[in-house]
Amino acid sequence: MVQIEQPANRVASLTPRWLELSALSDTQLLVAGVDEVGRGALFGPVVAAAVILPKSALSELAAANIRDSKQLSAVRRQQLAAQIKAVALDWNIGLASNREIDRINILQASLLAMKRAVLKLKVQPELCLVDGNQPLQELPIPQETLVRGDERSLVIASASIVAKVWRDALVVRLASKYPVYDLAGNKGYGTQWHRQALQQYGPTPWHRMSFRPCQHPLT
């Protein structure tokens, strides 16, 4: 079920069909899609994006076959991220650092990153569509949670792509500083090579020490 925070009459009038990835909206609400990436990584922050798309761009973006960022190649993600940012009314990035992840846990850090992304928008949306089933606490904007939203909502899928490209670029920049972990290849996720490097060299200041693979003592 979609959960509604701070409902308003206009929000309540939305139909399920409007939330489908391939459907176009007839609502007049200014809607932001919000999603996070990097939740399962061992290295680096969890990153979220918030994207507001103009109604005039929805048909073009739907035709571009925008979908969950995990289902796209790196090259295609970069192309679509550029296209999304070029037409968006506004977009922004929020993140929670690896130290914040260790302090408050990955779920709460993911929600915090998404909230930060929304609050950094210069254009204030009238409704936020949030991927998942957890509402963003103390968000001063009406919101709906949408399970598997990156598969069902054009604006959430767009946010997923923008966040993924931004986070991957950050990890690649850091990869040259920590070459033994193959970060450029794994983007901070726990591949066999990455885990072996953690066992041999220990963690960097960017690793998530609350994640078990980062806790192996040096041998």
N, C-alpha and C. Protein backbone atom coordinates (compact mmCIF):
# COMPACT_ATOMS: atom_id res chain seq x y z
N MET A 1 0.85 -1.20 0.00
CA MET A 1 0.00 0.00 0.00
C MET A 1 0.88 1.24 0.00
N VAL A 2 0.42 2.27 -0.73
CA VAL A 2 1.12 3.55 -0.71
C VAL A 2 0.74 4.28 0.56
N GLN A 3 1.78 4.76 1.27
CA GLN A 3 1.54 5.50 2.49
C GLN A 3 1.55 6.98 2.16
N ILE A 4 0.65 7.74 2.77
CA ILE A 4 0.55 9.17 2.50
C ILE A 4 0.85 9.92 3.79
N GLU A 5 1.83 10.84 3.70
CA GLU A 5 2.14 11.70 4.82
C GLU A 5 1.54 13.08 4.55
N GLN A 6 1.00 13.72 5.56
CA GLN A 6 0.44 15.05 5.47
C GLN A 6 -0.49 15.17 4.25
N PRO A 7 -1.53 14.36 4.17
CA PRO A 7 -2.36 14.34 2.96
C PRO A 7 -3.07 15.66 2.75
N ALA A 8 -3.27 15.98 1.48
CA ALA A 8 -4.04 17.15 1.09
C ALA A 8 -5.07 16.69 0.07
N ASN A 9 -6.08 17.51 -0.19
CA ASN A 9 -7.14 17.10 -1.11
C ASN A 9 -6.59 16.80 -2.49
N ARG A 10 -5.64 17.63 -2.97
CA ARG A 10 -5.11 17.41 -4.30
C ARG A 10 -4.29 16.14 -4.36
N VAL A 11 -3.57 15.83 -3.28
CA VAL A 11 -2.78 14.61 -3.23
C VAL A 11 -3.69 13.39 -3.27
N ALA A 12 -4.78 13.44 -2.54
CA ALA A 12 -5.69 12.30 -2.46
C ALA A 12 -6.34 11.99 -3.78
N SER A 13 -6.37 12.96 -4.71
CA SER A 13 -7.04 12.75 -5.98
C SER A 13 -6.19 11.98 -6.98
N LEU A 14 -4.92 11.69 -6.65
CA LEU A 14 -4.06 10.96 -7.57
C LEU A 14 -4.57 9.53 -7.76
N THR A 15 -4.46 9.02 -8.97
CA THR A 15 -4.88 7.66 -9.25
C THR A 15 -3.67 6.77 -9.38
N PRO A 16 -3.81 5.45 -9.10
CA PRO A 16 -2.67 4.54 -9.25
C PRO A 16 -2.06 4.56 -10.65
N ARG A 17 -2.90 4.76 -11.68
CA ARG A 17 -2.38 4.75 -13.04
C ARG A 17 -1.31 5.82 -13.23
N TRP A 18 -1.45 6.93 -12.53
CA TRP A 18 -0.51 8.03 -12.65
C TRP A 18 0.89 7.63 -12.20
N LEU A 19 0.97 6.64 -11.32
CA LEU A 19 2.25 6.24 -10.77
C LEU A 19 3.01 5.26 -11.67
N GLU A 20 2.39 4.76 -12.71
CA GLU A 20 3.07 3.80 -13.59
C GLU A 20 4.12 4.50 -14.43
N LEU A 21 5.24 3.81 -14.65
CA LEU A 21 6.38 4.40 -15.34
C LEU A 21 6.00 4.91 -16.72
N SER A 22 5.17 4.16 -17.45
CA SER A 22 4.87 4.51 -18.84
C SER A 22 3.69 5.47 -18.98
N ALA A 23 3.02 5.78 -17.88
CA ALA A 23 1.84 6.64 -17.96
C ALA A 23 2.23 8.10 -17.80
N LEU A 24 1.44 8.97 -18.38
CA LEU A 24 1.64 10.41 -18.24
C LEU A 24 0.62 10.95 -17.24
N SER A 25 1.03 11.96 -16.51
CA SER A 25 0.17 12.50 -15.46
C SER A 25 -0.75 13.58 -15.99
N ASP A 26 -1.96 13.62 -15.43
CA ASP A 26 -2.84 14.75 -15.71
C ASP A 26 -3.01 15.63 -14.48
N THR A 27 -2.17 15.40 -13.49
CA THR A 27 -2.22 16.22 -12.29
C THR A 27 -1.51 17.54 -12.54
N GLN A 28 -1.87 18.55 -11.78
CA GLN A 28 -1.21 19.86 -11.86
C GLN A 28 -0.20 20.04 -10.73
N LEU A 29 -0.04 19.03 -9.88
CA LEU A 29 0.92 19.12 -8.79
C LEU A 29 2.35 19.16 -9.31
N LEU A 30 3.19 19.87 -8.60
CA LEU A 30 4.63 19.88 -8.88
C LEU A 30 5.23 18.74 -8.05
N VAL A 31 5.70 17.70 -8.73
CA VAL A 31 6.07 16.45 -8.07
C VAL A 31 7.57 16.23 -8.15
N ALA A 32 8.17 15.85 -7.02
CA ALA A 32 9.57 15.45 -6.97
C ALA A 32 9.65 13.95 -6.76
N GLY A 33 10.51 13.28 -7.52
CA GLY A 33 10.83 11.89 -7.27
C GLY A 33 12.12 11.80 -6.48
N VAL A 34 12.17 10.88 -5.52
CA VAL A 34 13.32 10.78 -4.63
C VAL A 34 13.75 9.33 -4.53
N ASP A 35 15.05 9.09 -4.69
CA ASP A 35 15.58 7.73 -4.56
C ASP A 35 17.02 7.80 -4.08
N GLU A 36 17.50 6.69 -3.53
CA GLU A 36 18.88 6.62 -3.04
C GLU A 36 19.61 5.47 -3.72
N VAL A 37 20.93 5.55 -3.72
CA VAL A 37 21.78 4.49 -4.23
C VAL A 37 22.95 4.30 -3.29
N GLY A 38 23.56 3.12 -3.38
CA GLY A 38 24.74 2.83 -2.56
C GLY A 38 24.43 2.24 -1.21
N ARG A 39 23.21 1.81 -1.01
CA ARG A 39 22.83 1.29 0.30
C ARG A 39 23.62 0.02 0.65
N GLY A 40 23.91 -0.83 -0.32
CA GLY A 40 24.60 -2.08 -0.04
C GLY A 40 26.10 -2.03 -0.19
N ALA A 41 26.66 -0.87 -0.49
CA ALA A 41 28.11 -0.76 -0.69
C ALA A 41 28.86 -0.84 0.64
N LEU A 42 30.13 -1.16 0.56
CA LEU A 42 31.00 -1.19 1.74
C LEU A 42 31.76 0.12 1.91
N PHE A 43 31.79 0.93 0.86
CA PHE A 43 32.67 2.10 0.80
C PHE A 43 31.85 3.32 0.40
N GLY A 44 32.12 4.43 1.06
CA GLY A 44 31.56 5.69 0.64
C GLY A 44 30.18 5.99 1.19
N PRO A 45 29.65 7.15 0.83
CA PRO A 45 28.34 7.57 1.35
C PRO A 45 27.20 6.88 0.64
N VAL A 46 26.03 6.96 1.24
CA VAL A 46 24.79 6.65 0.54
C VAL A 46 24.32 7.97 -0.06
N VAL A 47 23.91 7.93 -1.32
CA VAL A 47 23.62 9.15 -2.07
C VAL A 47 22.17 9.10 -2.57
N ALA A 48 21.49 10.21 -2.45
CA ALA A 48 20.12 10.33 -2.94
C ALA A 48 20.01 11.49 -3.91
N ALA A 49 19.04 11.41 -4.79
CA ALA A 49 18.71 12.52 -5.69
C ALA A 49 17.23 12.81 -5.59
N ALA A 50 16.90 14.06 -5.73
CA ALA A 50 15.51 14.50 -5.87
C ALA A 50 15.40 15.22 -7.22
N VAL A 51 14.40 14.88 -8.00
CA VAL A 51 14.24 15.41 -9.35
C VAL A 51 12.80 15.88 -9.53
N ILE A 52 12.64 17.07 -10.09
CA ILE A 52 11.33 17.58 -10.49
C ILE A 52 11.33 17.72 -12.01
N LEU A 53 10.40 17.05 -12.65
CA LEU A 53 10.31 17.07 -14.11
C LEU A 53 9.12 17.91 -14.57
N PRO A 54 9.30 18.69 -15.63
CA PRO A 54 8.15 19.40 -16.18
C PRO A 54 7.23 18.44 -16.92
N LYS A 55 5.96 18.74 -16.90
CA LYS A 55 5.00 17.88 -17.58
C LYS A 55 5.33 17.75 -19.07
N SER A 56 5.88 18.82 -19.65
CA SER A 56 6.18 18.82 -21.08
C SER A 56 7.27 17.83 -21.46
N ALA A 57 8.09 17.39 -20.48
CA ALA A 57 9.20 16.48 -20.77
C ALA A 57 8.86 15.03 -20.52
N LEU A 58 7.70 14.74 -19.95
CA LEU A 58 7.40 13.37 -19.54
C LEU A 58 7.34 12.41 -20.72
N SER A 59 6.72 12.84 -21.81
CA SER A 59 6.60 11.97 -22.98
C SER A 59 7.97 11.64 -23.55
N GLU A 60 8.82 12.65 -23.65
CA GLU A 60 10.19 12.45 -24.18
C GLU A 60 10.98 11.48 -23.31
N LEU A 61 10.88 11.64 -22.00
CA LEU A 61 11.65 10.79 -21.11
C LEU A 61 11.09 9.37 -21.06
N ALA A 62 9.78 9.25 -21.13
CA ALA A 62 9.19 7.91 -21.17
C ALA A 62 9.64 7.18 -22.44
N ALA A 63 9.72 7.90 -23.56
CA ALA A 63 10.16 7.30 -24.82
C ALA A 63 11.63 6.90 -24.77
N ALA A 64 12.41 7.55 -23.90
CA ALA A 64 13.82 7.20 -23.74
C ALA A 64 14.02 5.93 -22.92
N ASN A 65 12.91 5.35 -22.45
CA ASN A 65 12.93 4.08 -21.73
C ASN A 65 13.68 4.20 -20.42
N ILE A 66 13.41 5.28 -19.71
CA ILE A 66 14.00 5.47 -18.39
C ILE A 66 13.45 4.39 -17.46
N ARG A 67 14.34 3.82 -16.65
CA ARG A 67 13.96 2.76 -15.73
C ARG A 67 14.92 2.78 -14.55
N ASP A 68 14.74 1.83 -13.66
CA ASP A 68 15.63 1.68 -12.51
C ASP A 68 17.09 1.69 -12.98
N SER A 69 17.92 2.48 -12.33
CA SER A 69 19.32 2.65 -12.76
C SER A 69 20.09 1.33 -12.79
N LYS A 70 19.70 0.37 -11.95
CA LYS A 70 20.43 -0.91 -11.89
C LYS A 70 20.21 -1.73 -13.16
N GLN A 71 19.18 -1.41 -13.93
CA GLN A 71 18.87 -2.16 -15.15
C GLN A 71 19.52 -1.55 -16.39
N LEU A 72 20.34 -0.53 -16.21
CA LEU A 72 20.94 0.18 -17.33
C LEU A 72 22.46 0.02 -17.32
N SER A 73 23.06 0.08 -18.50
CA SER A 73 24.52 0.09 -18.58
C SER A 73 25.05 1.43 -18.08
N ALA A 74 26.33 1.47 -17.73
CA ALA A 74 26.93 2.71 -17.23
C ALA A 74 26.84 3.82 -18.27
N VAL A 75 27.09 3.47 -19.53
CA VAL A 75 27.04 4.47 -20.60
C VAL A 75 25.63 5.02 -20.75
N ARG A 76 24.64 4.14 -20.74
CA ARG A 76 23.26 4.58 -20.89
C ARG A 76 22.82 5.42 -19.71
N ARG A 77 23.24 5.06 -18.49
CA ARG A 77 22.92 5.87 -17.32
C ARG A 77 23.46 7.29 -17.47
N GLN A 78 24.70 7.41 -17.93
CA GLN A 78 25.29 8.73 -18.10
C GLN A 78 24.53 9.55 -19.14
N GLN A 79 24.14 8.91 -20.22
CA GLN A 79 23.37 9.62 -21.25
C GLN A 79 22.04 10.10 -20.70
N LEU A 80 21.35 9.22 -19.99
CA LEU A 80 20.03 9.57 -19.47
C LEU A 80 20.14 10.61 -18.35
N ALA A 81 21.16 10.50 -17.51
CA ALA A 81 21.34 11.49 -16.44
C ALA A 81 21.51 12.88 -17.03
N ALA A 82 22.30 12.99 -18.10
CA ALA A 82 22.48 14.28 -18.75
C ALA A 82 21.16 14.79 -19.33
N GLN A 83 20.39 13.90 -19.92
CA GLN A 83 19.11 14.28 -20.51
C GLN A 83 18.13 14.73 -19.42
N ILE A 84 18.08 13.98 -18.33
CA ILE A 84 17.18 14.31 -17.23
C ILE A 84 17.52 15.68 -16.64
N LYS A 85 18.80 15.92 -16.37
CA LYS A 85 19.21 17.19 -15.76
C LYS A 85 18.98 18.36 -16.71
N ALA A 86 19.08 18.11 -18.01
CA ALA A 86 18.89 19.19 -18.99
C ALA A 86 17.44 19.67 -19.02
N VAL A 87 16.48 18.77 -18.79
CA VAL A 87 15.07 19.15 -18.89
C VAL A 87 14.41 19.38 -17.53
N ALA A 88 15.04 18.96 -16.45
CA ALA A 88 14.41 19.04 -15.12
C ALA A 88 14.15 20.49 -14.72
N LEU A 89 13.04 20.69 -14.04
CA LEU A 89 12.79 21.99 -13.42
C LEU A 89 13.78 22.24 -12.30
N ASP A 90 14.16 21.18 -11.63
CA ASP A 90 15.17 21.26 -10.57
C ASP A 90 15.61 19.85 -10.22
N TRP A 91 16.83 19.73 -9.74
CA TRP A 91 17.32 18.47 -9.21
C TRP A 91 18.42 18.78 -8.21
N ASN A 92 18.62 17.89 -7.28
CA ASN A 92 19.70 18.08 -6.32
C ASN A 92 20.07 16.75 -5.68
N ILE A 93 21.23 16.77 -5.05
CA ILE A 93 21.82 15.58 -4.42
C ILE A 93 21.89 15.77 -2.92
N GLY A 94 21.57 14.70 -2.19
CA GLY A 94 21.80 14.66 -0.75
C GLY A 94 22.56 13.39 -0.43
N LEU A 95 23.37 13.43 0.60
CA LEU A 95 24.12 12.23 0.97
C LEU A 95 24.24 12.12 2.48
N ALA A 96 24.55 10.92 2.91
CA ALA A 96 24.91 10.66 4.30
C ALA A 96 26.25 9.92 4.27
N SER A 97 27.19 10.41 5.02
CA SER A 97 28.56 9.89 4.98
C SER A 97 28.65 8.50 5.58
N ASN A 98 29.77 7.84 5.31
CA ASN A 98 29.99 6.52 5.91
C ASN A 98 30.01 6.60 7.43
N ARG A 99 30.47 7.70 7.98
CA ARG A 99 30.47 7.83 9.44
C ARG A 99 29.05 7.99 9.98
N GLU A 100 28.22 8.69 9.24
CA GLU A 100 26.82 8.78 9.65
C GLU A 100 26.14 7.43 9.53
N ILE A 101 26.46 6.68 8.49
CA ILE A 101 25.92 5.32 8.34
C ILE A 101 26.29 4.48 9.56
N ASP A 102 27.55 4.55 9.97
CA ASP A 102 28.00 3.77 11.13
C ASP A 102 27.31 4.21 12.42
N ARG A 103 26.98 5.48 12.49
CA ARG A 103 26.39 5.99 13.73
C ARG A 103 24.90 5.72 13.84
N ILE A 104 24.16 5.85 12.72
CA ILE A 104 22.69 5.78 12.83
C ILE A 104 22.09 4.59 12.07
N ASN A 105 22.88 3.80 11.38
CA ASN A 105 22.55 2.62 10.59
C ASN A 105 22.18 3.01 9.16
N ILE A 106 22.28 2.05 8.25
CA ILE A 106 22.15 2.35 6.83
C ILE A 106 20.73 2.77 6.45
N LEU A 107 19.71 2.20 7.08
CA LEU A 107 18.35 2.60 6.75
C LEU A 107 18.12 4.07 7.09
N GLN A 108 18.46 4.44 8.31
CA GLN A 108 18.24 5.83 8.71
C GLN A 108 19.10 6.79 7.90
N ALA A 109 20.31 6.36 7.56
CA ALA A 109 21.18 7.20 6.73
C ALA A 109 20.60 7.39 5.33
N SER A 110 20.00 6.33 4.78
CA SER A 110 19.37 6.43 3.46
C SER A 110 18.21 7.42 3.48
N LEU A 111 17.39 7.35 4.51
CA LEU A 111 16.27 8.27 4.64
C LEU A 111 16.76 9.70 4.84
N LEU A 112 17.85 9.85 5.59
CA LEU A 112 18.42 11.18 5.81
C LEU A 112 18.95 11.77 4.50
N ALA A 113 19.62 10.95 3.70
CA ALA A 113 20.14 11.42 2.41
C ALA A 113 19.00 11.87 1.51
N MET A 114 17.91 11.10 1.49
CA MET A 114 16.76 11.47 0.65
C MET A 114 16.14 12.78 1.14
N LYS A 115 15.99 12.93 2.44
CA LYS A 115 15.44 14.16 2.99
C LYS A 115 16.32 15.35 2.63
N ARG A 116 17.63 15.18 2.74
CA ARG A 116 18.55 16.27 2.40
C ARG A 116 18.43 16.66 0.93
N ALA A 117 18.28 15.67 0.06
CA ALA A 117 18.14 15.97 -1.36
C ALA A 117 16.90 16.82 -1.62
N VAL A 118 15.79 16.46 -0.99
CA VAL A 118 14.55 17.22 -1.18
C VAL A 118 14.70 18.65 -0.66
N LEU A 119 15.29 18.79 0.52
CA LEU A 119 15.39 20.11 1.15
C LEU A 119 16.37 21.02 0.41
N LYS A 120 17.26 20.47 -0.39
CA LYS A 120 18.19 21.28 -1.16
C LYS A 120 17.59 21.79 -2.47
N LEU A 121 16.42 21.30 -2.85
CA LEU A 121 15.79 21.79 -4.07
C LEU A 121 15.46 23.28 -3.95
N LYS A 122 15.75 24.02 -5.00
CA LYS A 122 15.40 25.44 -5.02
C LYS A 122 13.93 25.64 -5.38
N VAL A 123 13.40 24.73 -6.20
CA VAL A 123 11.98 24.73 -6.52
C VAL A 123 11.28 23.80 -5.53
N GLN A 124 10.33 24.30 -4.77
CA GLN A 124 9.69 23.46 -3.76
C GLN A 124 8.57 22.65 -4.38
N PRO A 125 8.64 21.33 -4.30
CA PRO A 125 7.56 20.50 -4.84
C PRO A 125 6.34 20.53 -3.94
N GLU A 126 5.20 20.18 -4.54
CA GLU A 126 3.96 20.07 -3.78
C GLU A 126 3.71 18.65 -3.29
N LEU A 127 4.46 17.71 -3.84
CA LEU A 127 4.36 16.31 -3.45
C LEU A 127 5.68 15.63 -3.74
N CYS A 128 6.15 14.79 -2.84
CA CYS A 128 7.34 13.96 -3.07
C CYS A 128 6.92 12.50 -3.17
N LEU A 129 7.38 11.84 -4.22
CA LEU A 129 7.23 10.40 -4.35
C LEU A 129 8.54 9.77 -3.90
N VAL A 130 8.49 8.98 -2.84
CA VAL A 130 9.68 8.43 -2.20
C VAL A 130 9.76 6.94 -2.46
N ASP A 131 10.87 6.48 -3.01
CA ASP A 131 11.03 5.05 -3.27
C ASP A 131 11.07 4.28 -1.95
N GLY A 132 10.37 3.16 -1.90
CA GLY A 132 10.40 2.31 -0.71
C GLY A 132 9.11 2.41 0.10
N ASN A 133 9.19 1.96 1.34
CA ASN A 133 8.01 1.96 2.21
C ASN A 133 8.21 2.76 3.48
N GLN A 134 9.28 3.55 3.54
CA GLN A 134 9.58 4.33 4.73
C GLN A 134 9.44 5.83 4.43
N PRO A 135 8.52 6.52 5.10
CA PRO A 135 8.40 7.97 4.87
C PRO A 135 9.60 8.72 5.44
N LEU A 136 9.83 9.90 4.91
CA LEU A 136 10.91 10.76 5.39
C LEU A 136 10.40 11.57 6.57
N GLN A 137 11.05 11.42 7.70
CA GLN A 137 10.57 12.04 8.93
C GLN A 137 10.73 13.56 8.88
N GLU A 138 9.69 14.24 9.38
CA GLU A 138 9.70 15.69 9.53
C GLU A 138 9.95 16.41 8.21
N LEU A 139 9.49 15.84 7.12
CA LEU A 139 9.58 16.51 5.83
C LEU A 139 8.39 17.46 5.72
N PRO A 140 8.63 18.75 5.49
CA PRO A 140 7.53 19.72 5.49
C PRO A 140 6.78 19.79 4.16
N ILE A 141 6.71 18.68 3.46
CA ILE A 141 6.08 18.59 2.14
C ILE A 141 5.26 17.30 2.12
N PRO A 142 4.06 17.29 1.58
CA PRO A 142 3.32 16.03 1.46
C PRO A 142 4.12 14.99 0.68
N GLN A 143 4.01 13.75 1.07
CA GLN A 143 4.80 12.70 0.43
C GLN A 143 4.01 11.41 0.34
N GLU A 144 4.38 10.60 -0.63
CA GLU A 144 3.86 9.24 -0.75
C GLU A 144 5.04 8.30 -0.92
N THR A 145 5.02 7.19 -0.22
CA THR A 145 6.02 6.15 -0.43
C THR A 145 5.50 5.18 -1.49
N LEU A 146 6.41 4.65 -2.26
CA LEU A 146 6.03 3.77 -3.37
C LEU A 146 7.03 2.62 -3.46
N VAL A 147 6.60 1.43 -3.05
CA VAL A 147 7.46 0.25 -3.12
C VAL A 147 7.79 -0.05 -4.58
N ARG A 148 9.08 -0.31 -4.84
CA ARG A 148 9.58 -0.53 -6.20
C ARG A 148 9.24 0.67 -7.08
N GLY A 149 9.36 1.85 -6.47
CA GLY A 149 9.03 3.07 -7.19
C GLY A 149 9.91 3.32 -8.39
N ASP A 150 11.18 2.86 -8.34
CA ASP A 150 12.07 3.08 -9.48
C ASP A 150 11.64 2.25 -10.69
N GLU A 151 10.74 1.29 -10.51
CA GLU A 151 10.19 0.53 -11.63
C GLU A 151 8.83 1.08 -12.08
N ARG A 152 8.19 1.88 -11.24
CA ARG A 152 6.81 2.28 -11.48
C ARG A 152 6.61 3.77 -11.72
N SER A 153 7.57 4.57 -11.32
CA SER A 153 7.40 6.02 -11.40
C SER A 153 8.53 6.63 -12.22
N LEU A 154 8.17 7.46 -13.19
CA LEU A 154 9.16 8.10 -14.05
C LEU A 154 10.07 9.03 -13.26
N VAL A 155 9.50 9.78 -12.32
CA VAL A 155 10.33 10.73 -11.58
C VAL A 155 11.24 10.01 -10.59
N ILE A 156 10.78 8.92 -9.99
CA ILE A 156 11.66 8.16 -9.09
C ILE A 156 12.77 7.49 -9.87
N ALA A 157 12.43 6.89 -11.01
CA ALA A 157 13.46 6.27 -11.85
C ALA A 157 14.49 7.31 -12.29
N SER A 158 14.05 8.51 -12.60
CA SER A 158 14.97 9.58 -12.99
C SER A 158 15.90 9.93 -11.84
N ALA A 159 15.34 10.01 -10.64
CA ALA A 159 16.17 10.30 -9.47
C ALA A 159 17.19 9.19 -9.23
N SER A 160 16.77 7.94 -9.43
CA SER A 160 17.68 6.80 -9.27
C SER A 160 18.88 6.92 -10.21
N ILE A 161 18.62 7.31 -11.46
CA ILE A 161 19.69 7.43 -12.45
C ILE A 161 20.64 8.56 -12.08
N VAL A 162 20.09 9.72 -11.74
CA VAL A 162 20.93 10.87 -11.39
C VAL A 162 21.79 10.55 -10.17
N ALA A 163 21.21 9.91 -9.16
CA ALA A 163 21.96 9.57 -7.96
C ALA A 163 23.06 8.56 -8.24
N LYS A 164 22.76 7.55 -9.05
CA LYS A 164 23.74 6.51 -9.37
C LYS A 164 24.94 7.08 -10.12
N VAL A 165 24.68 7.92 -11.12
CA VAL A 165 25.78 8.50 -11.89
C VAL A 165 26.63 9.40 -11.00
N TRP A 166 25.99 10.18 -10.13
CA TRP A 166 26.74 11.08 -9.23
C TRP A 166 27.60 10.28 -8.27
N ARG A 167 27.03 9.23 -7.66
CA ARG A 167 27.80 8.44 -6.70
C ARG A 167 28.94 7.69 -7.38
N ASP A 168 28.68 7.09 -8.53
CA ASP A 168 29.74 6.37 -9.24
C ASP A 168 30.90 7.30 -9.56
N ALA A 169 30.60 8.53 -9.98
CA ALA A 169 31.66 9.48 -10.29
C ALA A 169 32.49 9.82 -9.06
N LEU A 170 31.85 9.94 -7.92
CA LEU A 170 32.57 10.20 -6.68
C LEU A 170 33.52 9.05 -6.35
N VAL A 171 33.01 7.82 -6.42
CA VAL A 171 33.84 6.66 -6.08
C VAL A 171 35.01 6.52 -7.06
N VAL A 172 34.77 6.78 -8.33
CA VAL A 172 35.86 6.70 -9.32
C VAL A 172 36.94 7.74 -9.01
N ARG A 173 36.54 8.93 -8.59
CA ARG A 173 37.53 9.95 -8.22
C ARG A 173 38.38 9.49 -7.04
N LEU A 174 37.77 8.79 -6.10
CA LEU A 174 38.50 8.31 -4.92
C LEU A 174 39.33 7.08 -5.23
N ALA A 175 39.01 6.38 -6.31
CA ALA A 175 39.67 5.10 -6.62
C ALA A 175 41.18 5.27 -6.79
N SER A 176 41.61 6.38 -7.37
CA SER A 176 43.05 6.57 -7.60
C SER A 176 43.81 6.73 -6.28
N LYS A 177 43.14 7.15 -5.25
CA LYS A 177 43.78 7.30 -3.94
C LYS A 177 43.90 5.97 -3.21
N TYR A 178 43.00 5.03 -3.54
CA TYR A 178 42.98 3.73 -2.88
C TYR A 178 42.95 2.62 -3.94
N PRO A 179 44.01 2.44 -4.71
CA PRO A 179 43.96 1.56 -5.89
C PRO A 179 43.79 0.08 -5.57
N VAL A 180 44.17 -0.37 -4.37
CA VAL A 180 44.17 -1.80 -4.12
C VAL A 180 42.76 -2.40 -4.00
N TYR A 181 41.74 -1.55 -3.88
CA TYR A 181 40.38 -2.06 -3.65
C TYR A 181 39.57 -2.19 -4.94
N ASP A 182 40.13 -1.82 -6.08
CA ASP A 182 39.42 -1.88 -7.37
C ASP A 182 38.10 -1.12 -7.31
N LEU A 183 38.12 0.05 -6.72
CA LEU A 183 36.90 0.83 -6.54
C LEU A 183 36.32 1.30 -7.87
N ALA A 184 37.18 1.58 -8.84
CA ALA A 184 36.68 2.01 -10.14
C ALA A 184 35.83 0.91 -10.79
N GLY A 185 36.18 -0.34 -10.48
CA GLY A 185 35.44 -1.46 -11.04
C GLY A 185 34.21 -1.83 -10.24
N ASN A 186 34.32 -1.81 -8.91
CA ASN A 186 33.20 -2.30 -8.09
C ASN A 186 32.33 -1.19 -7.51
N LYS A 187 32.75 0.06 -7.66
CA LYS A 187 31.99 1.23 -7.18
C LYS A 187 31.70 1.16 -5.68
N GLY A 188 32.58 0.45 -4.96
CA GLY A 188 32.45 0.39 -3.51
C GLY A 188 31.67 -0.81 -3.00
N TYR A 189 31.16 -1.64 -3.90
CA TYR A 189 30.40 -2.81 -3.47
C TYR A 189 31.35 -3.97 -3.14
N GLY A 190 30.82 -4.96 -2.45
CA GLY A 190 31.65 -6.01 -1.85
C GLY A 190 31.99 -7.15 -2.78
N THR A 191 32.68 -6.90 -3.84
CA THR A 191 33.16 -7.97 -4.71
C THR A 191 34.21 -8.80 -3.98
N GLN A 192 34.54 -9.95 -4.55
CA GLN A 192 35.55 -10.80 -3.92
C GLN A 192 36.89 -10.07 -3.81
N TRP A 193 37.27 -9.36 -4.88
CA TRP A 193 38.54 -8.62 -4.85
C TRP A 193 38.52 -7.56 -3.75
N HIS A 194 37.42 -6.86 -3.64
CA HIS A 194 37.30 -5.81 -2.62
C HIS A 194 37.40 -6.40 -1.21
N ARG A 195 36.74 -7.51 -0.98
CA ARG A 195 36.78 -8.14 0.34
C ARG A 195 38.17 -8.68 0.66
N GLN A 196 38.84 -9.24 -0.33
CA GLN A 196 40.20 -9.72 -0.12
C GLN A 196 41.14 -8.57 0.21
N ALA A 197 40.95 -7.45 -0.47
CA ALA A 197 41.79 -6.28 -0.19
C ALA A 197 41.54 -5.76 1.22
N LEU A 198 40.31 -5.80 1.68
CA LEU A 198 40.01 -5.40 3.05
C LEU A 198 40.71 -6.29 4.06
N GLN A 199 40.73 -7.61 3.78
CA GLN A 199 41.41 -8.53 4.68
C GLN A 199 42.91 -8.28 4.69
N GLN A 200 43.47 -7.94 3.53
CA GLN A 200 44.92 -7.78 3.43
C GLN A 200 45.39 -6.41 3.91
N TYR A 201 44.64 -5.35 3.57
CA TYR A 201 45.12 -3.99 3.83
C TYR A 201 44.31 -3.25 4.89
N GLY A 202 43.16 -3.80 5.27
CA GLY A 202 42.31 -3.10 6.20
C GLY A 202 41.48 -2.01 5.52
N PRO A 203 40.60 -1.35 6.26
CA PRO A 203 39.70 -0.35 5.67
C PRO A 203 40.37 1.01 5.50
N THR A 204 39.80 1.81 4.62
CA THR A 204 40.17 3.21 4.47
C THR A 204 39.26 4.06 5.35
N PRO A 205 39.52 5.37 5.44
CA PRO A 205 38.59 6.24 6.18
C PRO A 205 37.21 6.35 5.54
N TRP A 206 37.05 5.85 4.31
CA TRP A 206 35.77 5.92 3.61
C TRP A 206 34.96 4.63 3.75
N HIS A 207 35.52 3.61 4.37
CA HIS A 207 34.78 2.36 4.52
C HIS A 207 33.78 2.44 5.68
N ARG A 208 32.74 1.62 5.57
CA ARG A 208 31.68 1.59 6.56
C ARG A 208 32.02 0.55 7.62
N MET A 209 32.49 1.00 8.75
CA MET A 209 32.99 0.07 9.75
C MET A 209 31.88 -0.72 10.44
N SER A 210 30.65 -0.30 10.31
CA SER A 210 29.54 -1.09 10.87
C SER A 210 29.16 -2.26 9.97
N PHE A 211 29.74 -2.35 8.77
CA PHE A 211 29.49 -3.46 7.86
C PHE A 211 30.54 -4.53 8.10
N ARG A 212 30.10 -5.76 8.32
CA ARG A 212 30.98 -6.83 8.76
C ARG A 212 32.23 -7.03 7.89
N PRO A 213 32.15 -7.00 6.55
CA PRO A 213 33.36 -7.23 5.76
C PRO A 213 34.47 -6.20 6.00
N CYS A 214 34.09 -5.04 6.54
CA CYS A 214 35.09 -4.00 6.82
C CYS A 214 35.76 -4.20 8.17
N GLN A 215 35.31 -5.20 8.93
CA GLN A 215 35.80 -5.38 10.29
C GLN A 215 36.85 -6.46 10.43
N HIS A 216 37.26 -7.09 9.29
CA HIS A 216 38.27 -8.13 9.36
C HIS A 216 39.59 -7.56 9.87
N PRO A 217 40.19 -8.18 10.89
CA PRO A 217 41.50 -7.70 11.34
C PRO A 217 42.57 -8.04 10.30
N LEU A 218 43.62 -7.25 10.29
CA LEU A 218 44.75 -7.53 9.41
C LEU A 218 45.41 -8.84 9.81
N THR A 219 45.84 -9.62 8.82
CA THR A 219 46.52 -10.89 9.11
C THR A 219 47.98 -10.77 8.83
